[in-house]
Amino acid sequence: DVHLASAIEMAFWDVMGKATNQPLYRLLGGAVRKTIELAACMGIRPYDEAKVIARQYVEMGFTTLKTKAGRRAEEDLEMVRGIRDGVGDRLKLRIDPNQGYAPEVAFPLARDLEKYDLEYFEQPMPQAMIGESARLRRHTKTPIGINESVTTPEVVLQILTLHAADVVLPDTYQCG
């Protein structure tokens, strides 16, 4: 089980850090930058709320917003429109349907999202649909991110070989 192997690997890194009194970033080779950018995260919100919340995040100093999505394409479009109407391009924007759409919904939605200049549209379809993700990527200007599909080196190689994503987003709990 990939999740079990990842949990064991993370536990070993934790034990090594404690045994050597070293933070994880040092065990992994050291810091590569002095600061990191944090993304704000927002649940699915209607147009007016999305507009207000996006403004609040900009006022707080965030430069990136990730939203959940995936119940209905129309709802996602209204939320994105609210964010853009509220803050323009002052926030990089990512939306994540968490595998919520079949291809017949994801394809037109990705095209409708083009005018909103997303940083990426994350895992719009089920994780096994890597071939469909590659086809979607060829048929839209909206960048595609793959997350839940990123489980093993073999799957990552398939994603890269098929050019199925603009962004590959591994989760440590899933793939170590």
N, C-alpha and C. Protein backbone atom coordinates (compact mmCIF):
# COMPACT_ATOMS: atom_id res chain seq x y z
N ASP A 1 0.84 -1.19 0.00
CA ASP A 1 0.00 0.00 0.00
C ASP A 1 0.89 1.25 0.00
N VAL A 2 0.65 2.13 -0.95
CA VAL A 2 1.46 3.34 -1.11
C VAL A 2 1.32 4.26 0.11
N HIS A 3 0.10 4.39 0.64
CA HIS A 3 -0.10 5.26 1.79
C HIS A 3 0.67 4.75 3.02
N LEU A 4 0.67 3.45 3.23
CA LEU A 4 1.38 2.87 4.35
C LEU A 4 2.89 3.08 4.19
N ALA A 5 3.41 2.85 3.00
CA ALA A 5 4.84 3.05 2.75
C ALA A 5 5.21 4.51 2.99
N SER A 6 4.37 5.44 2.58
CA SER A 6 4.63 6.86 2.79
C SER A 6 4.64 7.21 4.27
N ALA A 7 3.70 6.64 5.02
CA ALA A 7 3.65 6.90 6.46
C ALA A 7 4.91 6.38 7.15
N ILE A 8 5.36 5.21 6.74
CA ILE A 8 6.57 4.64 7.33
C ILE A 8 7.79 5.50 6.97
N GLU A 9 7.86 5.92 5.73
CA GLU A 9 8.98 6.77 5.30
C GLU A 9 9.00 8.08 6.10
N MET A 10 7.85 8.72 6.25
CA MET A 10 7.79 9.97 7.02
C MET A 10 8.20 9.74 8.48
N ALA A 11 7.79 8.60 9.05
CA ALA A 11 8.17 8.28 10.43
C ALA A 11 9.68 8.11 10.54
N PHE A 12 10.31 7.48 9.55
CA PHE A 12 11.76 7.32 9.58
C PHE A 12 12.47 8.67 9.49
N TRP A 13 11.99 9.57 8.62
CA TRP A 13 12.58 10.91 8.54
C TRP A 13 12.46 11.62 9.89
N ASP A 14 11.32 11.46 10.54
CA ASP A 14 11.11 12.07 11.85
C ASP A 14 12.10 11.51 12.87
N VAL A 15 12.28 10.19 12.89
CA VAL A 15 13.21 9.55 13.81
C VAL A 15 14.64 10.03 13.54
N MET A 16 15.03 10.10 12.26
CA MET A 16 16.37 10.57 11.91
C MET A 16 16.58 12.01 12.37
N GLY A 17 15.58 12.85 12.18
CA GLY A 17 15.69 14.24 12.61
C GLY A 17 15.85 14.35 14.11
N LYS A 18 15.08 13.58 14.84
CA LYS A 18 15.17 13.61 16.31
C LYS A 18 16.51 13.04 16.78
N ALA A 19 16.97 11.96 16.14
CA ALA A 19 18.23 11.32 16.55
C ALA A 19 19.43 12.23 16.29
N THR A 20 19.37 13.02 15.24
CA THR A 20 20.50 13.89 14.88
C THR A 20 20.27 15.34 15.31
N ASN A 21 19.12 15.61 15.90
CA ASN A 21 18.74 16.97 16.29
C ASN A 21 18.82 17.94 15.10
N GLN A 22 18.34 17.46 13.96
CA GLN A 22 18.36 18.25 12.72
C GLN A 22 16.94 18.43 12.19
N PRO A 23 16.63 19.62 11.67
CA PRO A 23 15.33 19.79 11.01
C PRO A 23 15.32 19.05 9.66
N LEU A 24 14.15 18.70 9.22
CA LEU A 24 14.00 17.93 8.00
C LEU A 24 14.66 18.60 6.80
N TYR A 25 14.52 19.92 6.67
CA TYR A 25 15.08 20.57 5.49
C TYR A 25 16.60 20.34 5.41
N ARG A 26 17.28 20.25 6.56
CA ARG A 26 18.73 19.98 6.54
C ARG A 26 19.00 18.53 6.12
N LEU A 27 18.19 17.61 6.63
CA LEU A 27 18.37 16.21 6.25
C LEU A 27 18.17 16.00 4.75
N LEU A 28 17.34 16.83 4.17
CA LEU A 28 17.06 16.70 2.73
C LEU A 28 18.02 17.52 1.86
N GLY A 29 19.06 18.09 2.47
CA GLY A 29 20.07 18.78 1.66
C GLY A 29 20.23 20.25 1.95
N GLY A 30 19.43 20.82 2.81
CA GLY A 30 19.58 22.22 3.17
C GLY A 30 18.55 23.12 2.51
N ALA A 31 18.50 24.35 3.01
CA ALA A 31 17.53 25.33 2.50
C ALA A 31 17.91 25.75 1.09
N VAL A 32 16.92 25.91 0.24
CA VAL A 32 17.16 26.39 -1.12
C VAL A 32 16.67 27.83 -1.30
N ARG A 33 15.96 28.37 -0.32
CA ARG A 33 15.51 29.76 -0.36
C ARG A 33 15.28 30.24 1.06
N LYS A 34 15.30 31.54 1.24
CA LYS A 34 15.12 32.12 2.59
C LYS A 34 13.65 32.27 2.95
N THR A 35 12.81 32.48 1.96
CA THR A 35 11.38 32.63 2.21
C THR A 35 10.61 31.72 1.27
N ILE A 36 9.38 31.41 1.65
CA ILE A 36 8.50 30.63 0.79
C ILE A 36 7.18 31.37 0.65
N GLU A 37 6.55 31.17 -0.47
CA GLU A 37 5.25 31.79 -0.71
C GLU A 37 4.16 30.85 -0.19
N LEU A 38 3.22 31.39 0.52
CA LEU A 38 2.10 30.61 1.02
C LEU A 38 0.86 30.94 0.21
N ALA A 39 0.07 29.92 -0.08
CA ALA A 39 -1.19 30.13 -0.78
C ALA A 39 -2.33 30.08 0.23
N ALA A 40 -3.26 31.00 0.09
CA ALA A 40 -4.49 30.95 0.87
C ALA A 40 -5.38 29.87 0.27
N CYS A 41 -6.27 29.33 1.07
CA CYS A 41 -7.18 28.30 0.58
C CYS A 41 -8.61 28.67 0.97
N MET A 42 -9.52 28.45 0.06
CA MET A 42 -10.92 28.82 0.28
C MET A 42 -11.81 27.69 -0.21
N GLY A 43 -12.87 27.44 0.52
CA GLY A 43 -13.86 26.47 0.07
C GLY A 43 -14.71 27.04 -1.05
N ILE A 44 -15.64 26.26 -1.53
CA ILE A 44 -16.54 26.71 -2.60
C ILE A 44 -17.42 27.82 -2.03
N ARG A 45 -17.46 28.95 -2.72
CA ARG A 45 -18.22 30.11 -2.27
C ARG A 45 -19.00 30.71 -3.43
N PRO A 46 -20.16 31.30 -3.15
CA PRO A 46 -20.89 32.01 -4.21
C PRO A 46 -20.15 33.28 -4.61
N TYR A 47 -20.54 33.84 -5.73
CA TYR A 47 -19.89 35.00 -6.34
C TYR A 47 -19.57 36.09 -5.32
N ASP A 48 -20.58 36.60 -4.60
CA ASP A 48 -20.37 37.74 -3.69
C ASP A 48 -19.39 37.42 -2.58
N GLU A 49 -19.51 36.24 -1.99
CA GLU A 49 -18.59 35.86 -0.91
C GLU A 49 -17.17 35.69 -1.45
N ALA A 50 -17.04 35.06 -2.61
CA ALA A 50 -15.72 34.85 -3.20
C ALA A 50 -15.03 36.18 -3.46
N LYS A 51 -15.78 37.15 -3.92
CA LYS A 51 -15.26 38.50 -4.19
C LYS A 51 -14.70 39.14 -2.91
N VAL A 52 -15.47 39.07 -1.84
CA VAL A 52 -15.07 39.67 -0.55
C VAL A 52 -13.88 38.92 0.05
N ILE A 53 -13.94 37.60 0.05
CA ILE A 53 -12.86 36.80 0.64
C ILE A 53 -11.56 37.03 -0.12
N ALA A 54 -11.63 37.08 -1.44
CA ALA A 54 -10.42 37.32 -2.24
C ALA A 54 -9.80 38.66 -1.88
N ARG A 55 -10.61 39.68 -1.71
CA ARG A 55 -10.09 41.00 -1.30
C ARG A 55 -9.42 40.92 0.06
N GLN A 56 -10.01 40.17 0.99
CA GLN A 56 -9.41 40.02 2.31
C GLN A 56 -8.03 39.35 2.23
N TYR A 57 -7.94 38.33 1.38
CA TYR A 57 -6.65 37.65 1.23
C TYR A 57 -5.59 38.58 0.65
N VAL A 58 -5.96 39.39 -0.32
CA VAL A 58 -5.01 40.36 -0.88
C VAL A 58 -4.57 41.33 0.21
N GLU A 59 -5.52 41.83 1.00
CA GLU A 59 -5.18 42.76 2.09
C GLU A 59 -4.26 42.11 3.12
N MET A 60 -4.37 40.80 3.29
CA MET A 60 -3.51 40.08 4.24
C MET A 60 -2.12 39.82 3.66
N GLY A 61 -1.94 40.08 2.37
CA GLY A 61 -0.63 39.90 1.76
C GLY A 61 -0.45 38.64 0.95
N PHE A 62 -1.50 37.84 0.82
CA PHE A 62 -1.38 36.63 -0.01
C PHE A 62 -1.30 37.02 -1.48
N THR A 63 -0.56 36.20 -2.23
CA THR A 63 -0.44 36.42 -3.67
C THR A 63 -1.03 35.26 -4.48
N THR A 64 -1.43 34.20 -3.78
CA THR A 64 -1.98 33.02 -4.44
C THR A 64 -3.19 32.54 -3.66
N LEU A 65 -4.22 32.11 -4.39
CA LEU A 65 -5.43 31.56 -3.78
C LEU A 65 -5.77 30.24 -4.47
N LYS A 66 -5.97 29.21 -3.65
CA LYS A 66 -6.47 27.93 -4.14
C LYS A 66 -7.87 27.76 -3.59
N THR A 67 -8.79 27.39 -4.47
CA THR A 67 -10.16 27.16 -4.02
C THR A 67 -10.55 25.71 -4.28
N LYS A 68 -11.42 25.24 -3.47
CA LYS A 68 -12.05 23.96 -3.75
C LYS A 68 -13.12 24.21 -4.81
N ALA A 69 -13.51 23.18 -5.48
CA ALA A 69 -14.48 23.27 -6.57
C ALA A 69 -15.04 21.86 -6.77
N GLY A 70 -15.84 21.69 -7.82
CA GLY A 70 -16.20 20.34 -8.21
C GLY A 70 -17.62 19.88 -7.97
N ARG A 71 -18.49 20.76 -7.48
CA ARG A 71 -19.89 20.31 -7.33
C ARG A 71 -20.65 20.53 -8.63
N ARG A 72 -20.50 21.75 -9.18
CA ARG A 72 -21.16 22.11 -10.44
C ARG A 72 -20.29 23.09 -11.20
N ALA A 73 -20.16 22.89 -12.49
CA ALA A 73 -19.31 23.75 -13.31
C ALA A 73 -19.76 25.20 -13.24
N GLU A 74 -21.07 25.44 -13.27
CA GLU A 74 -21.58 26.81 -13.25
C GLU A 74 -21.20 27.50 -11.94
N GLU A 75 -21.27 26.76 -10.85
CA GLU A 75 -20.90 27.30 -9.54
C GLU A 75 -19.41 27.67 -9.52
N ASP A 76 -18.58 26.81 -10.10
CA ASP A 76 -17.14 27.09 -10.15
C ASP A 76 -16.85 28.34 -10.97
N LEU A 77 -17.52 28.47 -12.10
CA LEU A 77 -17.31 29.65 -12.94
C LEU A 77 -17.73 30.93 -12.23
N GLU A 78 -18.84 30.90 -11.54
CA GLU A 78 -19.29 32.09 -10.80
C GLU A 78 -18.32 32.45 -9.69
N MET A 79 -17.79 31.45 -9.01
CA MET A 79 -16.83 31.70 -7.94
C MET A 79 -15.56 32.35 -8.51
N VAL A 80 -15.05 31.80 -9.59
CA VAL A 80 -13.85 32.34 -10.23
C VAL A 80 -14.11 33.75 -10.73
N ARG A 81 -15.27 33.97 -11.32
CA ARG A 81 -15.62 35.32 -11.79
C ARG A 81 -15.67 36.30 -10.62
N GLY A 82 -16.21 35.86 -9.48
CA GLY A 82 -16.24 36.71 -8.29
C GLY A 82 -14.85 37.08 -7.81
N ILE A 83 -13.96 36.11 -7.82
CA ILE A 83 -12.58 36.37 -7.39
C ILE A 83 -11.92 37.38 -8.33
N ARG A 84 -12.04 37.15 -9.62
CA ARG A 84 -11.42 38.05 -10.59
C ARG A 84 -12.07 39.43 -10.55
N ASP A 85 -13.39 39.50 -10.38
CA ASP A 85 -14.05 40.81 -10.27
C ASP A 85 -13.62 41.53 -8.99
N GLY A 86 -13.30 40.77 -7.96
CA GLY A 86 -12.91 41.36 -6.68
C GLY A 86 -11.48 41.85 -6.64
N VAL A 87 -10.56 41.08 -7.24
CA VAL A 87 -9.14 41.42 -7.11
C VAL A 87 -8.37 41.42 -8.42
N GLY A 88 -9.05 41.21 -9.52
CA GLY A 88 -8.35 41.18 -10.81
C GLY A 88 -7.28 40.10 -10.81
N ASP A 89 -6.10 40.47 -11.28
CA ASP A 89 -5.02 39.50 -11.35
C ASP A 89 -4.04 39.63 -10.19
N ARG A 90 -4.47 40.26 -9.10
CA ARG A 90 -3.58 40.42 -7.94
C ARG A 90 -3.37 39.11 -7.18
N LEU A 91 -4.16 38.09 -7.47
CA LEU A 91 -3.96 36.76 -6.91
C LEU A 91 -3.75 35.76 -8.03
N LYS A 92 -2.69 34.94 -7.92
CA LYS A 92 -2.61 33.77 -8.79
C LYS A 92 -3.73 32.85 -8.31
N LEU A 93 -4.41 32.20 -9.23
CA LEU A 93 -5.60 31.44 -8.87
C LEU A 93 -5.51 30.00 -9.33
N ARG A 94 -5.80 29.11 -8.40
CA ARG A 94 -5.85 27.67 -8.66
C ARG A 94 -7.21 27.18 -8.21
N ILE A 95 -7.85 26.31 -8.99
CA ILE A 95 -9.08 25.70 -8.49
C ILE A 95 -8.94 24.19 -8.54
N ASP A 96 -9.50 23.54 -7.54
CA ASP A 96 -9.31 22.10 -7.35
C ASP A 96 -10.63 21.37 -7.17
N PRO A 97 -11.13 20.75 -8.24
CA PRO A 97 -12.36 19.96 -8.12
C PRO A 97 -12.17 18.60 -7.47
N ASN A 98 -10.94 18.23 -7.10
CA ASN A 98 -10.69 16.93 -6.46
C ASN A 98 -11.34 15.78 -7.21
N GLN A 99 -11.07 15.68 -8.50
CA GLN A 99 -11.56 14.58 -9.35
C GLN A 99 -13.06 14.64 -9.59
N GLY A 100 -13.67 15.80 -9.39
CA GLY A 100 -15.12 15.91 -9.37
C GLY A 100 -15.86 15.84 -10.69
N TYR A 101 -15.13 15.91 -11.81
CA TYR A 101 -15.85 16.01 -13.08
C TYR A 101 -15.52 14.90 -14.07
N ALA A 102 -16.54 14.48 -14.78
CA ALA A 102 -16.35 13.60 -15.91
C ALA A 102 -15.78 14.43 -17.06
N PRO A 103 -15.13 13.80 -18.03
CA PRO A 103 -14.56 14.56 -19.14
C PRO A 103 -15.56 15.47 -19.85
N GLU A 104 -16.80 15.03 -19.99
CA GLU A 104 -17.79 15.85 -20.70
C GLU A 104 -18.11 17.16 -19.98
N VAL A 105 -17.77 17.24 -18.70
CA VAL A 105 -17.93 18.49 -17.95
C VAL A 105 -16.59 19.22 -17.86
N ALA A 106 -15.50 18.49 -17.61
CA ALA A 106 -14.18 19.10 -17.44
C ALA A 106 -13.70 19.83 -18.69
N PHE A 107 -13.96 19.26 -19.88
CA PHE A 107 -13.47 19.87 -21.12
C PHE A 107 -14.09 21.25 -21.37
N PRO A 108 -15.42 21.39 -21.36
CA PRO A 108 -15.97 22.73 -21.58
C PRO A 108 -15.66 23.68 -20.43
N LEU A 109 -15.57 23.17 -19.20
CA LEU A 109 -15.25 24.03 -18.07
C LEU A 109 -13.83 24.59 -18.22
N ALA A 110 -12.89 23.76 -18.60
CA ALA A 110 -11.51 24.23 -18.80
C ALA A 110 -11.46 25.33 -19.86
N ARG A 111 -12.23 25.16 -20.92
CA ARG A 111 -12.27 26.21 -21.96
C ARG A 111 -12.93 27.49 -21.42
N ASP A 112 -14.00 27.34 -20.65
CA ASP A 112 -14.67 28.51 -20.07
C ASP A 112 -13.76 29.24 -19.07
N LEU A 113 -12.86 28.51 -18.43
CA LEU A 113 -11.95 29.11 -17.45
C LEU A 113 -10.77 29.84 -18.09
N GLU A 114 -10.56 29.65 -19.37
CA GLU A 114 -9.39 30.25 -20.04
C GLU A 114 -9.30 31.76 -19.83
N LYS A 115 -10.41 32.45 -19.90
CA LYS A 115 -10.37 33.91 -19.80
C LYS A 115 -10.04 34.40 -18.39
N TYR A 116 -10.02 33.49 -17.40
CA TYR A 116 -9.75 33.88 -16.02
C TYR A 116 -8.29 33.65 -15.62
N ASP A 117 -7.48 33.19 -16.56
CA ASP A 117 -6.03 33.10 -16.37
C ASP A 117 -5.65 32.38 -15.07
N LEU A 118 -6.07 31.13 -14.97
CA LEU A 118 -5.71 30.33 -13.79
C LEU A 118 -4.23 29.96 -13.81
N GLU A 119 -3.67 29.82 -12.63
CA GLU A 119 -2.32 29.25 -12.55
C GLU A 119 -2.41 27.77 -12.95
N TYR A 120 -3.45 27.08 -12.45
CA TYR A 120 -3.78 25.75 -12.95
C TYR A 120 -5.14 25.29 -12.42
N PHE A 121 -5.69 24.32 -13.15
CA PHE A 121 -6.95 23.65 -12.88
C PHE A 121 -6.54 22.26 -12.38
N GLU A 122 -6.69 22.02 -11.08
CA GLU A 122 -6.09 20.84 -10.45
C GLU A 122 -7.02 19.63 -10.45
N GLN A 123 -6.51 18.54 -10.96
CA GLN A 123 -7.16 17.23 -10.95
C GLN A 123 -8.67 17.32 -11.18
N PRO A 124 -9.07 17.83 -12.34
CA PRO A 124 -10.51 17.96 -12.59
C PRO A 124 -11.23 16.62 -12.77
N MET A 125 -10.48 15.58 -13.22
CA MET A 125 -11.11 14.29 -13.50
C MET A 125 -10.52 13.20 -12.60
N PRO A 126 -11.18 12.04 -12.54
CA PRO A 126 -10.68 10.95 -11.70
C PRO A 126 -9.22 10.58 -11.99
N GLN A 127 -8.53 10.12 -10.95
CA GLN A 127 -7.09 9.92 -11.02
C GLN A 127 -6.64 8.94 -12.09
N ALA A 128 -7.45 7.97 -12.44
CA ALA A 128 -7.05 6.99 -13.45
C ALA A 128 -7.12 7.54 -14.87
N MET A 129 -7.72 8.70 -15.06
CA MET A 129 -7.94 9.26 -16.40
C MET A 129 -6.74 10.09 -16.88
N ILE A 130 -5.56 9.52 -16.83
CA ILE A 130 -4.37 10.25 -17.23
C ILE A 130 -4.38 10.54 -18.73
N GLY A 131 -4.84 9.59 -19.52
CA GLY A 131 -4.96 9.81 -20.97
C GLY A 131 -5.93 10.94 -21.27
N GLU A 132 -7.04 10.99 -20.54
CA GLU A 132 -8.01 12.08 -20.73
C GLU A 132 -7.42 13.42 -20.29
N SER A 133 -6.61 13.40 -19.24
CA SER A 133 -5.95 14.64 -18.81
C SER A 133 -5.01 15.15 -19.90
N ALA A 134 -4.31 14.24 -20.54
CA ALA A 134 -3.43 14.64 -21.65
C ALA A 134 -4.24 15.25 -22.79
N ARG A 135 -5.37 14.64 -23.09
CA ARG A 135 -6.24 15.18 -24.15
C ARG A 135 -6.80 16.54 -23.74
N LEU A 136 -7.21 16.67 -22.49
CA LEU A 136 -7.72 17.95 -21.99
C LEU A 136 -6.66 19.03 -22.12
N ARG A 137 -5.43 18.70 -21.74
CA ARG A 137 -4.34 19.67 -21.79
C ARG A 137 -4.12 20.17 -23.21
N ARG A 138 -4.29 19.29 -24.19
CA ARG A 138 -4.12 19.70 -25.60
C ARG A 138 -5.26 20.57 -26.11
N HIS A 139 -6.42 20.50 -25.45
CA HIS A 139 -7.61 21.19 -25.95
C HIS A 139 -7.98 22.45 -25.17
N THR A 140 -7.10 22.91 -24.30
CA THR A 140 -7.40 24.13 -23.55
C THR A 140 -6.12 24.90 -23.28
N LYS A 141 -6.28 26.20 -23.10
CA LYS A 141 -5.15 27.04 -22.68
C LYS A 141 -5.04 27.08 -21.15
N THR A 142 -6.05 26.58 -20.46
CA THR A 142 -6.01 26.53 -19.00
C THR A 142 -4.99 25.47 -18.58
N PRO A 143 -3.97 25.84 -17.82
CA PRO A 143 -2.98 24.86 -17.37
C PRO A 143 -3.64 23.78 -16.49
N ILE A 144 -3.17 22.57 -16.64
CA ILE A 144 -3.72 21.44 -15.90
C ILE A 144 -2.71 20.98 -14.85
N GLY A 145 -3.18 20.83 -13.62
CA GLY A 145 -2.38 20.28 -12.53
C GLY A 145 -2.88 18.88 -12.20
N ILE A 146 -1.97 18.00 -11.88
CA ILE A 146 -2.33 16.63 -11.51
C ILE A 146 -1.84 16.40 -10.08
N ASN A 147 -2.73 15.92 -9.21
CA ASN A 147 -2.40 15.70 -7.81
C ASN A 147 -2.71 14.27 -7.38
N GLU A 148 -3.98 13.92 -7.31
CA GLU A 148 -4.35 12.60 -6.81
C GLU A 148 -3.78 11.47 -7.66
N SER A 149 -3.49 11.74 -8.93
CA SER A 149 -2.91 10.73 -9.81
C SER A 149 -1.44 10.45 -9.49
N VAL A 150 -0.78 11.36 -8.79
CA VAL A 150 0.66 11.25 -8.53
C VAL A 150 0.87 10.31 -7.35
N THR A 151 1.10 9.02 -7.66
CA THR A 151 1.19 8.03 -6.60
C THR A 151 2.50 7.26 -6.61
N THR A 152 3.01 6.90 -7.77
CA THR A 152 4.24 6.11 -7.86
C THR A 152 5.13 6.71 -8.94
N PRO A 153 6.42 6.38 -8.93
CA PRO A 153 7.29 6.86 -10.01
C PRO A 153 6.81 6.43 -11.39
N GLU A 154 6.22 5.25 -11.49
CA GLU A 154 5.73 4.76 -12.77
C GLU A 154 4.58 5.62 -13.29
N VAL A 155 3.68 6.02 -12.39
CA VAL A 155 2.57 6.87 -12.79
C VAL A 155 3.07 8.27 -13.17
N VAL A 156 4.04 8.79 -12.42
CA VAL A 156 4.60 10.10 -12.76
C VAL A 156 5.24 10.04 -14.14
N LEU A 157 5.96 8.96 -14.44
CA LEU A 157 6.56 8.80 -15.77
C LEU A 157 5.48 8.78 -16.85
N GLN A 158 4.36 8.13 -16.58
CA GLN A 158 3.24 8.11 -17.53
C GLN A 158 2.69 9.53 -17.73
N ILE A 159 2.51 10.27 -16.65
CA ILE A 159 2.01 11.65 -16.74
C ILE A 159 2.95 12.49 -17.59
N LEU A 160 4.25 12.35 -17.33
CA LEU A 160 5.25 13.13 -18.08
C LEU A 160 5.33 12.70 -19.54
N THR A 161 5.31 11.40 -19.78
CA THR A 161 5.39 10.88 -21.15
C THR A 161 4.20 11.32 -21.99
N LEU A 162 3.01 11.31 -21.39
CA LEU A 162 1.80 11.70 -22.12
C LEU A 162 1.58 13.21 -22.15
N HIS A 163 2.44 13.96 -21.43
CA HIS A 163 2.25 15.42 -21.30
C HIS A 163 0.85 15.71 -20.76
N ALA A 164 0.49 14.98 -19.71
CA ALA A 164 -0.86 15.06 -19.16
C ALA A 164 -1.06 16.22 -18.19
N ALA A 165 0.02 16.94 -17.85
CA ALA A 165 -0.12 18.02 -16.88
C ALA A 165 0.94 19.09 -17.12
N ASP A 166 0.57 20.32 -16.78
CA ASP A 166 1.53 21.41 -16.77
C ASP A 166 2.24 21.45 -15.42
N VAL A 167 1.56 20.98 -14.38
CA VAL A 167 2.07 21.00 -13.02
C VAL A 167 1.79 19.63 -12.40
N VAL A 168 2.82 19.03 -11.78
CA VAL A 168 2.68 17.76 -11.07
C VAL A 168 2.81 18.08 -9.58
N LEU A 169 1.78 17.71 -8.81
CA LEU A 169 1.68 18.09 -7.39
C LEU A 169 1.67 16.85 -6.50
N PRO A 170 2.84 16.34 -6.13
CA PRO A 170 2.85 15.16 -5.26
C PRO A 170 2.49 15.52 -3.82
N ASP A 171 1.79 14.62 -3.16
CA ASP A 171 1.50 14.75 -1.73
C ASP A 171 2.31 13.69 -0.99
N THR A 172 3.02 14.11 0.06
CA THR A 172 3.90 13.16 0.75
C THR A 172 3.13 12.00 1.37
N TYR A 173 1.92 12.21 1.84
CA TYR A 173 1.17 11.11 2.43
C TYR A 173 0.82 10.05 1.39
N GLN A 174 0.83 10.44 0.12
CA GLN A 174 0.46 9.54 -0.95
C GLN A 174 1.66 8.84 -1.57
N CYS A 175 2.76 9.57 -1.74
CA CYS A 175 3.86 8.99 -2.52
C CYS A 175 5.22 9.16 -1.86
N GLY A 176 5.27 9.51 -0.60
CA GLY A 176 6.55 9.59 0.11
C GLY A 176 7.31 10.86 -0.19
